[in-house]
Amino acid sequence: MDISYLINILLFVLVGWFVYKRIAPVKNLRNLTEAQLREKFERGASTLIDVRETHEFSSGHIPDAVNIPLSKLKQRLKEIPNDKELILYCQSGIRSKQAARILQKQNYTDVSHLSGGISSWSGQKKSGLG
């Protein structure tokens, strides 16, 4: 076996592991449908967090969502309540899963996410940062 073959196998395994870690289920993370999100948010006991970047958020977000980009999540943990259910969303659901992993490592236990992200949202969207 030549060395380039082994390097290719190693690269394939590493890329596969990286992709799996991005899309793998997150332990204890509840996946919400749009209808479930609406129901929870109507009760008012949840905090809705959009983890997309600011420019994505300003182009259209779910009303009453707070924008805390995944890239700044660790620096902004003090802004995130730990006495309410957190509902996360992004564009498709991948970044919100990553955010959930980060929050769980910081002892947040009541975390859900919108399955399919804002792409699965058929309701009204608000533009701008407010």
C-alpha atoms as a PDB file:
ATOM      1  CA  MET A   1       0.000   0.000   0.000  1.00  0.00           C
ATOM      2  CA  ASP A   2       1.393   3.362  -0.874  1.00  0.00           C
ATOM      3  CA  ILE A   3       1.284   6.388   1.412  1.00  0.00           C
ATOM      4  CA  SER A   4      -1.084   8.451  -0.784  1.00  0.00           C
ATOM      5  CA  TYR A   5      -3.734   5.715  -0.487  1.00  0.00           C
ATOM      6  CA  LEU A   6      -3.483   5.802   3.319  1.00  0.00           C
ATOM      7  CA  ILE A   7      -3.631   9.606   3.355  1.00  0.00           C
ATOM      8  CA  ASN A   8      -6.771   9.514   1.195  1.00  0.00           C
ATOM      9  CA  ILE A   9      -8.420   7.023   3.549  1.00  0.00           C
ATOM     10  CA  LEU A  10      -7.504   9.153   6.561  1.00  0.00           C
ATOM     11  CA  LEU A  11      -8.864  12.292   4.875  1.00  0.00           C
ATOM     12  CA  PHE A  12     -12.093  10.493   4.000  1.00  0.00           C
ATOM     13  CA  VAL A  13     -12.543   9.336   7.600  1.00  0.00           C
ATOM     14  CA  LEU A  14     -11.812  12.823   8.984  1.00  0.00           C
ATOM     15  CA  VAL A  15     -14.244  14.523   6.599  1.00  0.00           C
ATOM     16  CA  GLY A  16     -16.890  11.907   7.395  1.00  0.00           C
ATOM     17  CA  TRP A  17     -16.426  12.437  11.131  1.00  0.00           C
ATOM     18  CA  PHE A  18     -16.615  16.223  10.709  1.00  0.00           C
ATOM     19  CA  VAL A  19     -19.852  15.995   8.696  1.00  0.00           C
ATOM     20  CA  TYR A  20     -21.373  13.545  11.172  1.00  0.00           C
ATOM     21  CA  LYS A  21     -20.595  15.840  14.136  1.00  0.00           C
ATOM     22  CA  ARG A  22     -22.359  18.717  12.331  1.00  0.00           C
ATOM     23  CA  ILE A  23     -25.573  16.842  11.556  1.00  0.00           C
ATOM     24  CA  ALA A  24     -25.734  14.216  14.315  1.00  0.00           C
ATOM     25  CA  PRO A  25     -28.642  14.375  16.747  1.00  0.00           C
ATOM     26  CA  VAL A  26     -28.018  16.367  19.915  1.00  0.00           C
ATOM     27  CA  LYS A  27     -28.807  14.483  23.114  1.00  0.00           C
ATOM     28  CA  ASN A  28     -31.859  15.875  24.972  1.00  0.00           C
ATOM     29  CA  LEU A  29     -32.589  18.458  22.253  1.00  0.00           C
ATOM     30  CA  ARG A  30     -36.279  18.650  21.393  1.00  0.00           C
ATOM     31  CA  ASN A  31     -37.080  19.088  17.703  1.00  0.00           C
ATOM     32  CA  LEU A  32     -40.098  21.339  17.239  1.00  0.00           C
ATOM     33  CA  THR A  33     -42.354  21.662  14.235  1.00  0.00           C
ATOM     34  CA  GLU A  34     -43.660  25.074  13.244  1.00  0.00           C
ATOM     35  CA  ALA A  35     -47.002  24.312  14.926  1.00  0.00           C
ATOM     36  CA  GLN A  36     -45.278  23.274  18.164  1.00  0.00           C
ATOM     37  CA  LEU A  37     -43.167  26.440  18.114  1.00  0.00           C
ATOM     38  CA  ARG A  38     -46.262  28.614  17.680  1.00  0.00           C
ATOM     39  CA  GLU A  39     -47.993  26.824  20.576  1.00  0.00           C
ATOM     40  CA  LYS A  40     -45.022  27.215  22.929  1.00  0.00           C
ATOM     41  CA  PHE A  41     -44.476  30.823  22.003  1.00  0.00           C
ATOM     42  CA  GLU A  42     -48.153  31.692  22.560  1.00  0.00           C
ATOM     43  CA  ARG A  43     -47.753  30.525  26.167  1.00  0.00           C
ATOM     44  CA  GLY A  44     -44.980  33.100  26.550  1.00  0.00           C
ATOM     45  CA  ALA A  45     -42.682  30.990  28.705  1.00  0.00           C
ATOM     46  CA  SER A  46     -39.980  30.607  26.068  1.00  0.00           C
ATOM     47  CA  THR A  47     -37.142  32.682  24.690  1.00  0.00           C
ATOM     48  CA  LEU A  48     -36.734  32.464  20.924  1.00  0.00           C
ATOM     49  CA  ILE A  49     -33.132  32.857  19.735  1.00  0.00           C
ATOM     50  CA  ASP A  50     -32.064  33.237  16.110  1.00  0.00           C
ATOM     51  CA  VAL A  51     -28.462  32.033  15.883  1.00  0.00           C
ATOM     52  CA  ARG A  52     -27.897  33.241  12.317  1.00  0.00           C
ATOM     53  CA  GLU A  53     -25.516  36.094  11.609  1.00  0.00           C
ATOM     54  CA  THR A  54     -26.813  39.661  11.990  1.00  0.00           C
ATOM     55  CA  HIS A  55     -27.141  40.287   8.240  1.00  0.00           C
ATOM     56  CA  GLU A  56     -29.268  37.131   7.901  1.00  0.00           C
ATOM     57  CA  PHE A  57     -31.430  38.147  10.855  1.00  0.00           C
ATOM     58  CA  SER A  58     -32.019  41.658   9.496  1.00  0.00           C
ATOM     59  CA  SER A  59     -33.178  40.282   6.147  1.00  0.00           C
ATOM     60  CA  GLY A  60     -36.053  38.450   7.848  1.00  0.00           C
ATOM     61  CA  HIS A  61     -36.671  36.746  11.182  1.00  0.00           C
ATOM     62  CA  ILE A  62     -39.477  35.316  13.272  1.00  0.00           C
ATOM     63  CA  PRO A  63     -41.145  38.151  15.234  1.00  0.00           C
ATOM     64  CA  ASP A  64     -39.988  38.460  18.877  1.00  0.00           C
ATOM     65  CA  ALA A  65     -36.788  36.502  18.207  1.00  0.00           C
ATOM     66  CA  VAL A  66     -33.531  37.699  19.729  1.00  0.00           C
ATOM     67  CA  ASN A  67     -30.444  37.572  17.519  1.00  0.00           C
ATOM     68  CA  ILE A  68     -27.428  35.950  19.134  1.00  0.00           C
ATOM     69  CA  PRO A  69     -25.250  34.641  16.290  1.00  0.00           C
ATOM     70  CA  LEU A  70     -23.620  31.256  16.793  1.00  0.00           C
ATOM     71  CA  SER A  71     -20.250  32.930  16.207  1.00  0.00           C
ATOM     72  CA  LYS A  72     -20.828  35.134  19.290  1.00  0.00           C
ATOM     73  CA  LEU A  73     -22.810  32.737  21.464  1.00  0.00           C
ATOM     74  CA  LYS A  74     -20.080  31.950  23.988  1.00  0.00           C
ATOM     75  CA  GLN A  75     -19.330  35.666  24.508  1.00  0.00           C
ATOM     76  CA  ARG A  76     -23.032  36.491  25.023  1.00  0.00           C
ATOM     77  CA  LEU A  77     -24.089  33.726  27.424  1.00  0.00           C
ATOM     78  CA  LYS A  78     -24.964  36.264  30.131  1.00  0.00           C
ATOM     79  CA  GLU A  79     -27.782  37.528  27.895  1.00  0.00           C
ATOM     80  CA  ILE A  80     -29.419  34.111  27.747  1.00  0.00           C
ATOM     81  CA  PRO A  81     -31.827  33.260  30.585  1.00  0.00           C
ATOM     82  CA  ASN A  82     -31.488  29.842  32.185  1.00  0.00           C
ATOM     83  CA  ASP A  83     -34.901  29.907  33.868  1.00  0.00           C
ATOM     84  CA  LYS A  84     -36.917  29.702  30.625  1.00  0.00           C
ATOM     85  CA  GLU A  85     -37.136  27.254  27.791  1.00  0.00           C
ATOM     86  CA  LEU A  86     -34.833  28.277  24.975  1.00  0.00           C
ATOM     87  CA  ILE A  87     -35.970  27.738  21.417  1.00  0.00           C
ATOM     88  CA  LEU A  88     -33.220  28.085  18.850  1.00  0.00           C
ATOM     89  CA  TYR A  89     -33.394  28.400  15.113  1.00  0.00           C
ATOM     90  CA  CYS A  90     -31.122  29.152  12.176  1.00  0.00           C
ATOM     91  CA  GLN A  91     -31.548  28.809   8.416  1.00  0.00           C
ATOM     92  CA  SER A  92     -31.861  25.019   8.210  1.00  0.00           C
ATOM     93  CA  GLY A  93     -31.299  23.552  11.687  1.00  0.00           C
ATOM     94  CA  ILE A  94     -27.577  22.794  11.602  1.00  0.00           C
ATOM     95  CA  ARG A  95     -26.296  25.890  13.436  1.00  0.00           C
ATOM     96  CA  SER A  96     -29.092  25.701  15.994  1.00  0.00           C
ATOM     97  CA  LYS A  97     -27.957  22.160  16.840  1.00  0.00           C
ATOM     98  CA  GLN A  98     -24.406  23.446  17.280  1.00  0.00           C
ATOM     99  CA  ALA A  99     -25.722  26.236  19.525  1.00  0.00           C
ATOM    100  CA  ALA A 100     -27.668  23.676  21.569  1.00  0.00           C
ATOM    101  CA  ARG A 101     -24.478  21.666  22.151  1.00  0.00           C
ATOM    102  CA  ILE A 102     -22.706  24.805  23.382  1.00  0.00           C
ATOM    103  CA  LEU A 103     -25.579  25.744  25.699  1.00  0.00           C
ATOM    104  CA  GLN A 104     -25.857  22.225  27.096  1.00  0.00           C
ATOM    105  CA  LYS A 105     -22.146  22.304  27.947  1.00  0.00           C
ATOM    106  CA  GLN A 106     -22.896  25.509  29.879  1.00  0.00           C
ATOM    107  CA  ASN A 107     -25.626  23.693  31.877  1.00  0.00           C
ATOM    108  CA  TYR A 108     -28.674  24.968  30.001  1.00  0.00           C
ATOM    109  CA  THR A 109     -31.120  22.079  30.189  1.00  0.00           C
ATOM    110  CA  ASP A 110     -34.389  23.282  28.645  1.00  0.00           C
ATOM    111  CA  VAL A 111     -33.378  23.678  24.997  1.00  0.00           C
ATOM    112  CA  SER A 112     -35.404  23.052  21.833  1.00  0.00           C
ATOM    113  CA  HIS A 113     -34.917  23.982  18.200  1.00  0.00           C
ATOM    114  CA  LEU A 114     -37.091  24.584  15.166  1.00  0.00           C
ATOM    115  CA  SER A 115     -36.580  21.550  12.986  1.00  0.00           C
ATOM    116  CA  GLY A 116     -35.673  22.730   9.485  1.00  0.00           C
ATOM    117  CA  GLY A 117     -34.905  26.247  10.723  1.00  0.00           C
ATOM    118  CA  ILE A 118     -36.525  29.390   9.371  1.00  0.00           C
ATOM    119  CA  SER A 119     -36.737  27.632   6.011  1.00  0.00           C
ATOM    120  CA  SER A 120     -39.596  25.594   7.508  1.00  0.00           C
ATOM    121  CA  TRP A 121     -41.366  28.713   8.865  1.00  0.00           C
ATOM    122  CA  SER A 122     -44.421  29.733   6.850  1.00  0.00           C
ATOM    123  CA  GLY A 123     -45.531  32.507   9.173  1.00  0.00           C
ATOM    124  CA  GLN A 124     -44.869  36.193   9.198  1.00  0.00           C
ATOM    125  CA  LYS A 125     -41.284  37.422   9.141  1.00  0.00           C
ATOM    126  CA  LYS A 126     -40.046  40.733  10.419  1.00  0.00           C
ATOM    127  CA  SER A 127     -37.237  42.648   8.690  1.00  0.00           C
ATOM    128  CA  GLY A 128     -34.621  44.793  10.351  1.00  0.00           C
ATOM    129  CA  LEU A 129     -32.763  44.380  13.613  1.00  0.00           C
ATOM    130  CA  GLY A 130     -35.627  45.202  15.977  1.00  0.00           C
END
